Amino acid sequence: MAPVYTAFKVDQILSNRWYRNLFFLCTALLAISAILTRYYLLPKWDPALAQPFSTLIAQLLEGFVATLVVTMVIGCYLFIATPRVMSKAKFEAVEPRAINSLLREAVLQGQKWDFRGGTGRFTRTETLPALAKRARVTSSRHSLRIQVIDPDNEEACKKYASYRTGLNSANKARHFWTPREVRKQILATILEASLTGVREPMLDVTVCISAYWSVLRVDLSAKYVIVTREDPQAPGIRADEGTTFYEAYTSDLNVSASQSRTLQKLPPEFEEPLDVDEIRKVFGQLEVRHEDLDDSFLNEIAQLTHHSSHQYD
């Protein structure tokens, strides 16, 4: 099992752009250092080691051919020795600073997106507009399903706020979440997603609200699924389309959506920009409790729909 494990580790390193560049740079520097030491420094200490340039090139070519043959043999062995089930079940860790770019790239590689998380800030500010633009530019139908916490569930909002405030990243940023802030973020996501579904006929948007939440957020695209924590300093997990874990998360999202309340679509009259009174009507149309939403709170929600800040900034 050691060769198989090593193969997966090397594959994970080379699949990450930053680590791949670092690996190639370090390898090149080590090779150059070894060549200079052998053919330039050592002959100065021991003249008997000095060799003509043609002999130097011949030795390098012989070593390269031998290494190439050995590498091919080891590669074939690893390919044969690796169980197919391990290949199908493959998943890999994603460093925190690579999560943003992976999520952005995934939008350009498929026509569907499935999200489940707490408030959906990244989905609202990045994924939703990117999918809408791609659907409009390509004139092809895209779909987005969003699952967030029920903003009317006070207990869930309170516990989520307590969890987010307790994260180390929240303390460093001096940002303390409150149930009101959680509810405001969720309502902003619901508002923007629902309105985008009306304004963009080629983008099918479905919004689900749930009384339950998880410390994990799931972004499932057509090519891969990214599982992260609600913490920008925490690493994530990636599983590609066709793997066991991708299929498992697809089923898990379908199950959780079936246990959530799906909000109805908005009628066409809500296509234009809305004022406070019309926003209140939108929440009424969506059957989200709105009696306690005063003008000040609705204005704050409207401002969030134009704000691009999220946890992966």
Protein backbone atom coordinates (compact mmCIF):
# COMPACT_ATOMS: atom_id res chain seq x y z
CA MET A 1 0.00 0.00 0.00
CA ALA A 2 2.97 2.35 0.43
CA PRO A 3 3.52 2.89 -3.34
CA VAL A 4 -0.19 3.63 -3.82
CA TYR A 5 -0.18 6.12 -0.97
CA THR A 6 2.93 7.80 -2.37
CA ALA A 7 1.34 8.06 -5.80
CA PHE A 8 -1.69 9.82 -4.39
CA LYS A 9 0.50 12.23 -2.41
CA VAL A 10 2.58 13.15 -5.47
CA ASP A 11 -0.59 13.58 -7.52
CA GLN A 12 -2.03 15.93 -4.90
CA ILE A 13 1.15 18.02 -4.91
CA LEU A 14 1.29 18.34 -8.69
CA SER A 15 -2.43 19.09 -9.03
CA ASN A 16 -1.98 22.28 -6.99
CA ARG A 17 -0.54 25.10 -9.10
CA TRP A 18 1.45 26.76 -6.30
CA TYR A 19 2.92 23.51 -5.01
CA ARG A 20 3.58 22.32 -8.57
CA ASN A 21 5.58 25.45 -9.41
CA LEU A 22 7.47 25.18 -6.13
CA PHE A 23 8.21 21.50 -6.79
CA PHE A 24 9.59 22.16 -10.29
CA LEU A 25 11.63 25.14 -9.09
CA CYS A 26 13.22 23.22 -6.22
CA THR A 27 13.91 20.21 -8.46
CA ALA A 28 15.58 22.38 -11.10
CA LEU A 29 17.71 24.17 -8.51
CA LEU A 30 18.79 20.87 -6.96
CA ALA A 31 19.70 19.43 -10.39
CA ILE A 32 21.71 22.52 -11.36
CA SER A 33 23.46 22.53 -7.99
CA ALA A 34 24.37 18.84 -8.32
CA ILE A 35 25.73 19.30 -11.87
CA LEU A 36 27.80 22.36 -10.93
CA THR A 37 29.17 20.60 -7.85
CA ARG A 38 30.10 17.44 -9.78
CA TYR A 39 31.61 18.99 -12.91
CA TYR A 40 32.85 22.38 -11.70
CA LEU A 41 33.64 22.38 -7.98
CA LEU A 42 34.91 18.82 -7.46
CA PRO A 43 37.50 18.99 -10.31
CA LYS A 44 39.01 22.04 -8.58
CA TRP A 45 39.65 19.92 -5.49
CA ASP A 46 40.60 16.77 -7.38
CA PRO A 47 41.86 17.33 -10.98
CA ALA A 48 41.46 13.62 -11.67
CA LEU A 49 37.70 14.15 -11.74
CA ALA A 50 37.93 16.66 -14.60
CA GLN A 51 36.36 15.42 -17.86
CA PRO A 52 35.97 16.76 -21.41
CA PHE A 53 32.67 18.46 -22.28
CA SER A 54 31.63 15.63 -24.62
CA THR A 55 32.13 13.07 -21.86
CA LEU A 56 30.06 15.24 -19.51
CA ILE A 57 27.15 15.35 -21.96
CA ALA A 58 27.40 11.59 -22.57
CA GLN A 59 27.22 10.82 -18.86
CA LEU A 60 24.24 13.14 -18.41
CA LEU A 61 22.39 11.49 -21.30
CA GLU A 62 23.14 8.01 -19.97
CA GLY A 63 21.86 8.98 -16.53
CA PHE A 64 18.76 10.59 -18.06
CA VAL A 65 17.91 7.48 -20.08
CA ALA A 66 18.40 5.21 -17.07
CA THR A 67 16.22 7.44 -14.91
CA LEU A 68 13.54 7.62 -17.60
CA VAL A 69 13.37 3.81 -17.91
CA VAL A 70 13.18 3.34 -14.13
CA THR A 71 10.48 6.02 -13.86
CA MET A 72 8.41 4.36 -16.59
CA VAL A 73 8.67 0.99 -14.86
CA ILE A 74 7.67 2.46 -11.50
CA GLY A 75 4.81 4.40 -13.12
CA CYS A 76 3.44 1.27 -14.77
CA TYR A 77 3.72 -0.64 -11.51
CA LEU A 78 1.83 2.06 -9.61
CA PHE A 79 -0.86 2.15 -12.29
CA ILE A 80 -1.34 -1.61 -12.10
CA ALA A 81 -1.04 -1.79 -8.31
CA THR A 82 -3.51 1.02 -7.63
CA PRO A 83 -6.97 -0.49 -7.02
CA ARG A 84 -9.65 0.93 -9.32
CA VAL A 85 -11.87 1.59 -6.32
CA MET A 86 -9.16 3.88 -4.87
CA SER A 87 -9.05 5.86 -8.11
CA LYS A 88 -12.82 6.23 -8.14
CA ALA A 89 -12.92 7.22 -4.46
CA LYS A 90 -10.19 9.80 -4.80
CA PHE A 91 -10.45 13.12 -2.97
CA GLU A 92 -7.80 15.66 -2.07
CA ALA A 93 -7.14 18.48 0.36
CA VAL A 94 -7.31 22.08 -0.83
CA GLU A 95 -5.27 24.79 0.86
CA PRO A 96 -7.26 27.83 2.05
CA ARG A 97 -5.81 30.31 -0.45
CA ALA A 98 -6.69 28.03 -3.40
CA ILE A 99 -10.39 27.72 -2.52
CA ASN A 100 -11.40 31.07 -4.03
CA SER A 101 -9.80 30.37 -7.41
CA LEU A 102 -11.19 26.82 -7.55
CA LEU A 103 -14.73 28.08 -6.93
CA ARG A 104 -14.32 30.77 -9.59
CA GLU A 105 -12.94 28.30 -12.14
CA ALA A 106 -15.75 25.81 -11.51
CA VAL A 107 -18.36 28.35 -12.65
CA LEU A 108 -16.78 28.37 -16.11
CA GLN A 109 -16.74 24.59 -16.45
CA GLY A 110 -20.37 23.52 -16.33
CA GLN A 111 -24.02 24.48 -16.37
CA LYS A 112 -25.12 23.57 -12.86
CA TRP A 113 -24.27 24.54 -9.32
CA ASP A 114 -25.55 23.24 -6.01
CA PHE A 115 -24.76 25.04 -2.77
CA ARG A 116 -25.52 24.29 0.86
CA GLY A 117 -24.26 26.43 3.69
CA GLY A 118 -25.12 29.01 6.31
CA THR A 119 -25.79 32.43 4.76
CA GLY A 120 -24.51 32.00 1.18
CA ARG A 121 -22.37 35.16 1.07
CA PHE A 122 -19.87 33.82 -1.48
CA THR A 123 -22.66 32.32 -3.56
CA ARG A 124 -24.53 35.62 -3.56
CA THR A 125 -21.56 37.83 -4.42
CA GLU A 126 -19.52 35.56 -6.70
CA THR A 127 -21.22 32.40 -7.93
CA LEU A 128 -24.67 33.84 -8.68
CA PRO A 129 -23.56 36.76 -10.88
CA ALA A 130 -20.91 34.62 -12.60
CA LEU A 131 -23.45 31.93 -13.48
CA ALA A 132 -25.94 34.54 -14.66
CA LYS A 133 -23.33 36.14 -16.90
CA ARG A 134 -22.20 32.79 -18.32
CA ALA A 135 -25.79 31.73 -19.03
CA ARG A 136 -26.45 35.04 -20.77
CA VAL A 137 -23.22 35.04 -22.82
CA THR A 138 -23.48 31.40 -23.91
CA SER A 139 -27.26 31.53 -24.39
CA SER A 140 -27.51 28.18 -22.64
CA ARG A 141 -29.64 27.23 -19.68
CA HIS A 142 -27.84 27.02 -16.33
CA SER A 143 -29.17 26.00 -12.92
CA LEU A 144 -28.37 27.04 -9.39
CA ARG A 145 -29.81 25.58 -6.20
CA ILE A 146 -29.10 27.33 -2.92
CA GLN A 147 -29.73 25.83 0.51
CA VAL A 148 -29.37 28.22 3.46
CA ILE A 149 -30.60 28.51 7.03
CA ASP A 150 -34.23 29.44 7.51
CA PRO A 151 -34.03 33.15 8.46
CA ASP A 152 -37.21 32.80 10.52
CA ASN A 153 -35.71 30.07 12.69
CA GLU A 154 -34.41 32.14 15.59
CA GLU A 155 -32.72 29.22 17.34
CA ALA A 156 -30.77 28.19 14.23
CA CYS A 157 -29.69 31.79 13.53
CA LYS A 158 -28.61 32.21 17.15
CA LYS A 159 -26.51 29.03 17.19
CA TYR A 160 -24.95 29.84 13.83
CA ALA A 161 -24.03 33.33 15.03
CA SER A 162 -22.44 31.85 18.15
CA TYR A 163 -20.45 29.40 16.03
CA ARG A 164 -19.18 32.06 13.61
CA THR A 165 -18.22 34.44 16.42
CA GLY A 166 -16.25 31.67 18.11
CA LEU A 167 -14.03 31.08 15.07
CA ASN A 168 -10.44 32.24 15.32
CA SER A 169 -10.76 34.16 12.06
CA ALA A 170 -13.69 36.16 13.44
CA ASN A 171 -11.66 37.21 16.46
CA LYS A 172 -8.75 38.35 14.28
CA ALA A 173 -11.08 40.32 12.04
CA ARG A 174 -12.88 41.74 15.08
CA HIS A 175 -16.17 40.72 13.50
CA PHE A 176 -18.79 39.44 15.92
CA TRP A 177 -21.83 37.78 14.44
CA THR A 178 -25.27 38.30 15.91
CA PRO A 179 -28.56 36.54 15.07
CA ARG A 180 -29.67 39.79 13.42
CA GLU A 181 -26.56 39.85 11.22
CA VAL A 182 -27.06 36.20 10.27
CA ARG A 183 -30.67 36.79 9.35
CA LYS A 184 -29.75 39.89 7.33
CA GLN A 185 -27.12 37.98 5.33
CA ILE A 186 -29.54 35.11 4.63
CA LEU A 187 -32.35 37.46 3.55
CA ALA A 188 -29.92 39.29 1.24
CA THR A 189 -29.00 35.98 -0.37
CA ILE A 190 -32.64 34.97 -0.74
CA LEU A 191 -33.55 38.37 -2.20
CA GLU A 192 -30.71 38.52 -4.72
CA ALA A 193 -31.09 34.88 -5.78
CA SER A 194 -34.85 35.19 -6.26
CA LEU A 195 -34.58 38.44 -8.23
CA THR A 196 -31.78 37.07 -10.40
CA GLY A 197 -34.00 34.11 -11.25
CA VAL A 198 -36.54 36.58 -12.66
CA ARG A 199 -34.07 38.87 -14.43
CA GLU A 200 -32.06 36.06 -16.03
CA PRO A 201 -34.40 33.77 -18.01
CA MET A 202 -31.54 31.39 -18.89
CA LEU A 203 -30.67 30.81 -15.22
CA ASP A 204 -32.96 28.54 -13.21
CA VAL A 205 -32.58 29.52 -9.54
CA THR A 206 -34.01 27.45 -6.70
CA VAL A 207 -33.81 28.60 -3.08
CA CYS A 208 -34.32 26.21 -0.17
CA ILE A 209 -34.38 27.15 3.51
CA SER A 210 -33.69 24.72 6.31
CA ALA A 211 -34.00 24.69 10.09
CA TYR A 212 -30.67 22.86 10.28
CA TRP A 213 -27.14 23.93 9.42
CA SER A 214 -23.73 22.33 9.26
CA VAL A 215 -20.22 23.52 10.00
CA LEU A 216 -19.41 22.38 6.45
CA ARG A 217 -20.43 24.25 3.32
CA VAL A 218 -20.74 22.36 0.04
CA ASP A 219 -20.25 23.83 -3.45
CA LEU A 220 -21.00 21.22 -6.10
CA SER A 221 -20.34 22.12 -9.73
CA ALA A 222 -20.51 19.99 -12.86
CA LYS A 223 -16.79 19.18 -12.59
CA TYR A 224 -16.04 18.82 -8.90
CA VAL A 225 -17.32 19.40 -5.37
CA ILE A 226 -15.55 21.64 -2.87
CA VAL A 227 -16.30 21.09 0.82
CA THR A 228 -15.15 23.83 3.18
CA ARG A 229 -15.72 25.13 6.68
CA GLU A 230 -17.15 28.55 7.43
CA ASP A 231 -13.62 29.69 8.14
CA PRO A 232 -11.29 31.26 5.53
CA GLN A 233 -8.26 29.88 7.35
CA ALA A 234 -9.41 26.25 7.19
CA PRO A 235 -8.47 23.93 4.29
CA GLY A 236 -11.11 22.33 2.11
CA ILE A 237 -11.69 19.01 0.36
CA ARG A 238 -12.14 18.44 -3.38
CA ALA A 239 -13.67 15.43 -5.15
CA ASP A 240 -13.94 15.33 -8.94
CA GLU A 241 -17.00 14.40 -10.97
CA GLY A 242 -17.28 10.63 -11.40
CA THR A 243 -15.74 9.78 -8.03
CA THR A 244 -17.54 8.09 -5.17
CA PHE A 245 -17.45 11.16 -2.94
CA TYR A 246 -18.82 13.43 -5.68
CA GLU A 247 -21.76 11.08 -6.12
CA ALA A 248 -22.21 10.88 -2.32
CA TYR A 249 -22.36 14.65 -1.93
CA THR A 250 -24.76 14.89 -4.88
CA SER A 251 -27.11 12.47 -3.14
CA ASP A 252 -26.62 14.23 0.20
CA LEU A 253 -27.58 17.61 -1.28
CA ASN A 254 -30.68 16.11 -2.87
CA VAL A 255 -31.72 14.55 0.44
CA SER A 256 -31.18 17.76 2.41
CA ALA A 257 -33.10 19.76 -0.21
CA SER A 258 -36.03 17.35 0.01
CA GLN A 259 -36.18 18.00 3.77
CA SER A 260 -36.05 21.78 3.35
CA ARG A 261 -38.71 24.26 2.28
CA THR A 262 -38.36 25.34 -1.33
CA LEU A 263 -39.37 28.95 -1.91
CA GLN A 264 -41.66 29.65 -4.83
CA LYS A 265 -40.54 31.60 -7.89
CA LEU A 266 -41.21 35.31 -8.14
CA PRO A 267 -43.59 36.64 -10.81
CA PRO A 268 -42.20 38.79 -13.68
CA GLU A 269 -43.27 42.13 -12.15
CA PHE A 270 -40.31 41.97 -9.75
CA GLU A 271 -37.79 42.21 -12.58
CA GLU A 272 -36.94 45.90 -12.16
CA PRO A 273 -34.91 47.42 -9.26
CA LEU A 274 -36.97 47.54 -6.08
CA ASP A 275 -37.51 50.06 -3.32
CA VAL A 276 -38.10 49.22 0.36
CA ASP A 277 -41.84 48.63 -0.01
CA GLU A 278 -41.34 46.35 -2.99
CA ILE A 279 -38.65 44.39 -1.18
CA ARG A 280 -41.13 43.83 1.62
CA LYS A 281 -43.60 42.55 -0.99
CA VAL A 282 -40.94 40.18 -2.35
CA PHE A 283 -40.48 38.56 1.06
CA GLY A 284 -44.23 38.35 1.38
CA GLN A 285 -44.45 36.66 -2.02
CA LEU A 286 -41.75 34.21 -0.94
CA GLU A 287 -43.66 33.55 2.29
CA VAL A 288 -40.71 34.57 4.42
CA ARG A 289 -41.89 36.23 7.63
CA HIS A 290 -41.66 39.97 7.06
CA GLU A 291 -43.86 41.76 9.59
CA ASP A 292 -40.84 42.67 11.72
CA LEU A 293 -38.77 43.97 8.82
CA ASP A 294 -38.68 47.75 9.20
CA ASP A 295 -37.42 50.16 6.55
CA SER A 296 -33.97 50.46 8.14
CA PHE A 297 -33.43 46.70 8.16
CA LEU A 298 -34.68 46.37 4.59
CA ASN A 299 -32.27 49.10 3.49
CA GLU A 300 -29.39 47.19 5.10
CA ILE A 301 -30.46 44.05 3.23
CA ALA A 302 -30.62 45.96 -0.05
CA GLN A 303 -27.12 47.35 0.52
CA LEU A 304 -25.74 43.84 1.07
CA THR A 305 -26.94 42.82 -2.40
CA HIS A 306 -24.48 45.37 -3.81
CA HIS A 307 -21.62 44.45 -1.48
CA SER A 308 -18.98 41.98 -2.68
CA SER A 309 -17.30 41.09 0.63
CA HIS A 310 -17.21 37.42 1.63
CA GLN A 311 -15.15 34.97 3.66
CA TYR A 312 -12.69 34.25 0.84
CA ASP A 313 -11.67 37.88 0.16
